[in-house]
PDB file of all heavy atoms in Angstrom:
ATOM      1  N   ARG A   1     188.250 121.694  90.822  1.00  0.00           N
ATOM      2  CA  ARG A   1     189.583 121.474  91.500  1.00  0.00           C
ATOM      3  C   ARG A   1     190.107 122.739  92.131  1.00  0.00           C
ATOM      4  O   ARG A   1     190.593 122.779  93.249  1.00  0.00           O
ATOM      5  CB  ARG A   1     190.562 120.914  90.451  1.00  0.00           C
ATOM      6  CG  ARG A   1     190.754 119.441  90.518  1.00  0.00           C
ATOM      7  CD  ARG A   1     192.005 118.919  89.771  1.00  0.00           C
ATOM      8  NE  ARG A   1     192.180 119.504  88.424  1.00  0.00           N
ATOM      9  CZ  ARG A   1     191.599 119.103  87.285  1.00  0.00           C
ATOM     10  NH1 ARG A   1     190.782 118.107  87.343  1.00  0.00           N
ATOM     11  NH2 ARG A   1     191.875 119.703  86.184  1.00  0.00           N
ATOM     12  N   LEU A   2     190.003 123.835  91.338  1.00  0.00           N
ATOM     13  CA  LEU A   2     190.531 125.108  91.840  1.00  0.00           C
ATOM     14  C   LEU A   2     189.714 125.547  93.055  1.00  0.00           C
ATOM     15  O   LEU A   2     190.254 126.009  94.066  1.00  0.00           O
ATOM     16  CB  LEU A   2     190.406 126.214  90.746  1.00  0.00           C
ATOM     17  CG  LEU A   2     191.445 126.079  89.591  1.00  0.00           C
ATOM     18  CD1 LEU A   2     191.145 127.069  88.533  1.00  0.00           C
ATOM     19  CD2 LEU A   2     192.821 126.298  90.177  1.00  0.00           C
ATOM     20  N   ALA A   3     188.350 125.406  93.010  1.00  0.00           N
ATOM     21  CA  ALA A   3     187.542 125.751  94.137  1.00  0.00           C
ATOM     22  C   ALA A   3     187.873 124.983  95.376  1.00  0.00           C
ATOM     23  O   ALA A   3     187.949 125.490  96.495  1.00  0.00           O
ATOM     24  CB  ALA A   3     186.021 125.592  93.762  1.00  0.00           C
ATOM     25  N   GLU A   4     188.116 123.638  95.177  1.00  0.00           N
ATOM     26  CA  GLU A   4     188.478 122.785  96.327  1.00  0.00           C
ATOM     27  C   GLU A   4     189.837 123.213  96.910  1.00  0.00           C
ATOM     28  O   GLU A   4     190.006 123.306  98.117  1.00  0.00           O
ATOM     29  CB  GLU A   4     188.525 121.358  95.846  1.00  0.00           C
ATOM     30  CG  GLU A   4     188.736 120.385  97.026  1.00  0.00           C
ATOM     31  CD  GLU A   4     188.835 118.932  96.555  1.00  0.00           C
ATOM     32  OE1 GLU A   4     188.318 118.613  95.468  1.00  0.00           O
ATOM     33  OE2 GLU A   4     189.425 118.148  97.300  1.00  0.00           O
ATOM     34  N   GLY A   5     190.809 123.552  96.040  1.00  0.00           N
ATOM     35  CA  GLY A   5     192.084 124.033  96.462  1.00  0.00           C
ATOM     36  C   GLY A   5     192.012 125.325  97.260  1.00  0.00           C
ATOM     37  O   GLY A   5     192.616 125.495  98.350  1.00  0.00           O
ATOM     38  N   ILE A   6     191.200 126.244  96.718  1.00  0.00           N
ATOM     39  CA  ILE A   6     191.020 127.528  97.422  1.00  0.00           C
ATOM     40  C   ILE A   6     190.326 127.293  98.765  1.00  0.00           C
ATOM     41  O   ILE A   6     190.690 127.900  99.773  1.00  0.00           O
ATOM     42  CB  ILE A   6     190.178 128.503  96.498  1.00  0.00           C
ATOM     43  CG1 ILE A   6     191.049 128.937  95.300  1.00  0.00           C
ATOM     44  CG2 ILE A   6     189.647 129.672  97.280  1.00  0.00           C
ATOM     45  CD1 ILE A   6     190.256 129.623  94.225  1.00  0.00           C
ATOM     46  N   SER A   7     189.341 126.433  98.798  1.00  0.00           N
ATOM     47  CA  SER A   7     188.597 126.096 100.027  1.00  0.00           C
ATOM     48  C   SER A   7     189.561 125.493 101.067  1.00  0.00           C
ATOM     49  O   SER A   7     189.559 125.880 102.192  1.00  0.00           O
ATOM     50  CB  SER A   7     187.447 125.127  99.733  1.00  0.00           C
ATOM     51  OG  SER A   7     186.815 124.770 100.917  1.00  0.00           O
ATOM     52  N   ARG A   8     190.422 124.551 100.620  1.00  0.00           N
ATOM     53  CA  ARG A   8     191.353 123.904 101.474  1.00  0.00           C
ATOM     54  C   ARG A   8     192.366 124.925 102.031  1.00  0.00           C
ATOM     55  O   ARG A   8     192.687 124.973 103.231  1.00  0.00           O
ATOM     56  CB  ARG A   8     192.111 122.770 100.757  1.00  0.00           C
ATOM     57  CG  ARG A   8     191.953 121.454 101.476  1.00  0.00           C
ATOM     58  CD  ARG A   8     192.867 120.341 100.862  1.00  0.00           C
ATOM     59  NE  ARG A   8     193.332 120.506  99.545  1.00  0.00           N
ATOM     60  CZ  ARG A   8     192.789 119.970  98.471  1.00  0.00           C
ATOM     61  NH1 ARG A   8     191.749 119.201  98.613  1.00  0.00           N
ATOM     62  NH2 ARG A   8     193.304 120.155  97.288  1.00  0.00           N
ATOM     63  N   LYS A   9     192.888 125.786 101.125  1.00  0.00           N
ATOM     64  CA  LYS A   9     193.829 126.835 101.586  1.00  0.00           C
ATOM     65  C   LYS A   9     193.144 127.768 102.543  1.00  0.00           C
ATOM     66  O   LYS A   9     193.780 128.154 103.556  1.00  0.00           O
ATOM     67  CB  LYS A   9     194.345 127.631 100.350  1.00  0.00           C
ATOM     68  CG  LYS A   9     195.397 128.660 100.688  1.00  0.00           C
ATOM     69  CD  LYS A   9     195.872 129.353  99.487  1.00  0.00           C
ATOM     70  CE  LYS A   9     196.951 130.395  99.821  1.00  0.00           C
ATOM     71  NZ  LYS A   9     196.854 131.238 100.953  1.00  0.00           N
ATOM     72  N   SER A  10     191.902 128.133 102.242  1.00  0.00           N
ATOM     73  CA  SER A  10     191.157 129.007 103.133  1.00  0.00           C
ATOM     74  C   SER A  10     191.008 128.389 104.521  1.00  0.00           C
ATOM     75  O   SER A  10     191.213 129.010 105.549  1.00  0.00           O
ATOM     76  CB  SER A  10     189.815 129.356 102.556  1.00  0.00           C
ATOM     77  OG  SER A  10     189.049 130.094 103.434  1.00  0.00           O
ATOM     78  N   GLU A  11     190.655 127.089 104.531  1.00  0.00           N
ATOM     79  CA  GLU A  11     190.523 126.379 105.834  1.00  0.00           C
ATOM     80  C   GLU A  11     191.868 126.343 106.601  1.00  0.00           C
ATOM     81  O   GLU A  11     191.919 126.541 107.788  1.00  0.00           O
ATOM     82  CB  GLU A  11     190.051 124.946 105.604  1.00  0.00           C
ATOM     83  CG  GLU A  11     188.592 124.858 105.256  1.00  0.00           C
ATOM     84  CD  GLU A  11     188.176 123.426 104.781  1.00  0.00           C
ATOM     85  OE1 GLU A  11     189.002 122.516 104.932  1.00  0.00           O
ATOM     86  OE2 GLU A  11     187.063 123.269 104.317  1.00  0.00           O
ATOM     87  N   ASN A  12     192.968 126.063 105.904  1.00  0.00           N
ATOM     88  CA  ASN A  12     194.296 126.119 106.478  1.00  0.00           C
ATOM     89  C   ASN A  12     194.647 127.472 107.012  1.00  0.00           C
ATOM     90  O   ASN A  12     195.153 127.578 108.117  1.00  0.00           O
ATOM     91  CB  ASN A  12     195.355 125.610 105.492  1.00  0.00           C
ATOM     92  CG  ASN A  12     195.296 124.117 105.216  1.00  0.00           C
ATOM     93  OD1 ASN A  12     194.733 123.369 106.017  1.00  0.00           O
ATOM     94  ND2 ASN A  12     195.881 123.673 104.106  1.00  0.00           N
ATOM     95  N   ASP A  13     194.332 128.511 106.193  1.00  0.00           N
ATOM     96  CA  ASP A  13     194.617 129.895 106.646  1.00  0.00           C
ATOM     97  C   ASP A  13     193.855 130.201 107.919  1.00  0.00           C
ATOM     98  O   ASP A  13     194.378 130.798 108.856  1.00  0.00           O
ATOM     99  CB  ASP A  13     194.280 130.892 105.559  1.00  0.00           C
ATOM    100  CG  ASP A  13     195.292 130.845 104.381  1.00  0.00           C
ATOM    101  OD1 ASP A  13     196.319 130.199 104.541  1.00  0.00           O
ATOM    102  OD2 ASP A  13     194.999 131.437 103.323  1.00  0.00           O
ATOM    103  N   VAL A  14     192.578 129.790 107.940  1.00  0.00           N
ATOM    104  CA  VAL A  14     191.733 130.056 109.159  1.00  0.00           C
ATOM    105  C   VAL A  14     192.320 129.278 110.367  1.00  0.00           C
ATOM    106  O   VAL A  14     192.436 129.852 111.442  1.00  0.00           O
ATOM    107  CB  VAL A  14     190.258 129.677 108.872  1.00  0.00           C
ATOM    108  CG1 VAL A  14     189.474 129.653 110.181  1.00  0.00           C
ATOM    109  CG2 VAL A  14     189.646 130.660 107.900  1.00  0.00           C
ATOM    110  N   ALA A  15     192.658 128.051 110.142  1.00  0.00           N
ATOM    111  CA  ALA A  15     193.243 127.239 111.231  1.00  0.00           C
ATOM    112  C   ALA A  15     194.555 127.854 111.749  1.00  0.00           C
ATOM    113  O   ALA A  15     194.761 127.945 112.981  1.00  0.00           O
ATOM    114  CB  ALA A  15     193.475 125.796 110.759  1.00  0.00           C
ATOM    115  N   ASN A  16     195.383 128.284 110.830  1.00  0.00           N
ATOM    116  CA  ASN A  16     196.693 128.905 111.206  1.00  0.00           C
ATOM    117  C   ASN A  16     196.448 130.207 111.942  1.00  0.00           C
ATOM    118  O   ASN A  16     197.082 130.487 112.918  1.00  0.00           O
ATOM    119  CB  ASN A  16     197.562 129.183 109.991  1.00  0.00           C
ATOM    120  CG  ASN A  16     198.156 127.940 109.440  1.00  0.00           C
ATOM    121  OD1 ASN A  16     198.260 126.913 110.112  1.00  0.00           O
ATOM    122  ND2 ASN A  16     198.541 127.960 108.150  1.00  0.00           N
ATOM    123  N   TYR A  17     195.505 130.981 111.507  1.00  0.00           N
ATOM    124  CA  TYR A  17     195.113 132.275 112.152  1.00  0.00           C
ATOM    125  C   TYR A  17     194.623 131.984 113.551  1.00  0.00           C
ATOM    126  O   TYR A  17     195.031 132.663 114.521  1.00  0.00           O
ATOM    127  CB  TYR A  17     194.086 133.013 111.341  1.00  0.00           C
ATOM    128  CG  TYR A  17     193.613 134.249 112.044  1.00  0.00           C
ATOM    129  CD1 TYR A  17     194.312 135.412 112.072  1.00  0.00           C
ATOM    130  CD2 TYR A  17     192.377 134.262 112.689  1.00  0.00           C
ATOM    131  CE1 TYR A  17     193.914 136.551 112.757  1.00  0.00           C
ATOM    132  CE2 TYR A  17     191.897 135.356 113.343  1.00  0.00           C
ATOM    133  CZ  TYR A  17     192.665 136.528 113.385  1.00  0.00           C
ATOM    134  OH  TYR A  17     192.239 137.590 114.055  1.00  0.00           O
ATOM    135  N   ASN A  18     193.726 130.997 113.671  1.00  0.00           N
ATOM    136  CA  ASN A  18     193.186 130.680 114.994  1.00  0.00           C
ATOM    137  C   ASN A  18     194.277 130.176 115.942  1.00  0.00           C
ATOM    138  O   ASN A  18     194.285 130.495 117.122  1.00  0.00           O
ATOM    139  CB  ASN A  18     192.051 129.580 114.872  1.00  0.00           C
ATOM    140  CG  ASN A  18     190.772 130.164 114.287  1.00  0.00           C
ATOM    141  OD1 ASN A  18     190.595 131.396 114.332  1.00  0.00           O
ATOM    142  ND2 ASN A  18     189.944 129.323 113.743  1.00  0.00           N
ATOM    143  N   GLU A  19     195.214 129.388 115.425  1.00  0.00           N
ATOM    144  CA  GLU A  19     196.314 128.913 116.230  1.00  0.00           C
ATOM    145  C   GLU A  19     197.201 130.102 116.694  1.00  0.00           C
ATOM    146  O   GLU A  19     197.592 130.180 117.839  1.00  0.00           O
ATOM    147  CB  GLU A  19     197.167 127.920 115.378  1.00  0.00           C
ATOM    148  CG  GLU A  19     198.130 127.103 116.163  1.00  0.00           C
ATOM    149  CD  GLU A  19     198.815 126.107 115.260  1.00  0.00           C
ATOM    150  OE1 GLU A  19     198.144 125.249 114.647  1.00  0.00           O
ATOM    151  OE2 GLU A  19     200.049 126.186 115.163  1.00  0.00           O
ATOM    152  N   ARG A  20     197.522 131.018 115.733  1.00  0.00           N
ATOM    153  CA  ARG A  20     198.319 132.196 116.140  1.00  0.00           C
ATOM    154  C   ARG A  20     197.590 133.056 117.160  1.00  0.00           C
ATOM    155  O   ARG A  20     198.198 133.570 118.046  1.00  0.00           O
ATOM    156  CB  ARG A  20     198.649 132.977 114.868  1.00  0.00           C
ATOM    157  CG  ARG A  20     199.773 132.344 114.031  1.00  0.00           C
ATOM    158  CD  ARG A  20     200.374 133.319 112.995  1.00  0.00           C
ATOM    159  NE  ARG A  20     199.382 134.058 112.217  1.00  0.00           N
ATOM    160  CZ  ARG A  20     198.820 133.572 111.131  1.00  0.00           C
ATOM    161  NH1 ARG A  20     199.168 132.427 110.641  1.00  0.00           N
ATOM    162  NH2 ARG A  20     197.941 134.313 110.437  1.00  0.00           N
ATOM    163  N   LEU A  21     196.304 133.199 116.944  1.00  0.00           N
ATOM    164  CA  LEU A  21     195.455 133.982 117.855  1.00  0.00           C
ATOM    165  C   LEU A  21     195.468 133.383 119.249  1.00  0.00           C
ATOM    166  O   LEU A  21     195.660 134.072 120.246  1.00  0.00           O
ATOM    167  CB  LEU A  21     194.059 134.135 117.334  1.00  0.00           C
ATOM    168  CG  LEU A  21     193.072 135.021 118.107  1.00  0.00           C
ATOM    169  CD1 LEU A  21     193.575 136.452 118.178  1.00  0.00           C
ATOM    170  CD2 LEU A  21     191.663 134.952 117.521  1.00  0.00           C
ATOM    171  N   ALA A  22     195.268 132.055 119.334  1.00  0.00           N
ATOM    172  CA  ALA A  22     195.263 131.380 120.622  1.00  0.00           C
ATOM    173  C   ALA A  22     196.624 131.475 121.292  1.00  0.00           C
ATOM    174  O   ALA A  22     196.712 131.721 122.468  1.00  0.00           O
ATOM    175  CB  ALA A  22     194.935 129.878 120.395  1.00  0.00           C
ATOM    176  N   SER A  23     197.672 131.400 120.515  1.00  0.00           N
ATOM    177  CA  SER A  23     199.051 131.485 121.044  1.00  0.00           C
ATOM    178  C   SER A  23     199.283 132.924 121.568  1.00  0.00           C
ATOM    179  O   SER A  23     199.829 133.121 122.641  1.00  0.00           O
ATOM    180  CB  SER A  23     200.069 131.199 119.959  1.00  0.00           C
ATOM    181  OG  SER A  23     201.369 131.321 120.426  1.00  0.00           O
ATOM    182  N   ALA A  24     198.796 133.958 120.817  1.00  0.00           N
ATOM    183  CA  ALA A  24     199.012 135.328 121.259  1.00  0.00           C
ATOM    184  C   ALA A  24     198.164 135.627 122.515  1.00  0.00           C
ATOM    185  O   ALA A  24     198.613 136.284 123.467  1.00  0.00           O
ATOM    186  CB  ALA A  24     198.545 136.300 120.147  1.00  0.00           C
TER     187      ALA A  24
END
């Protein structure tokens, strides 16, 4: 469960970073 949560958070962080990067 923890690994899945970390993986999901990591995916969200990567998506947010990519979105911010594209916006910049």
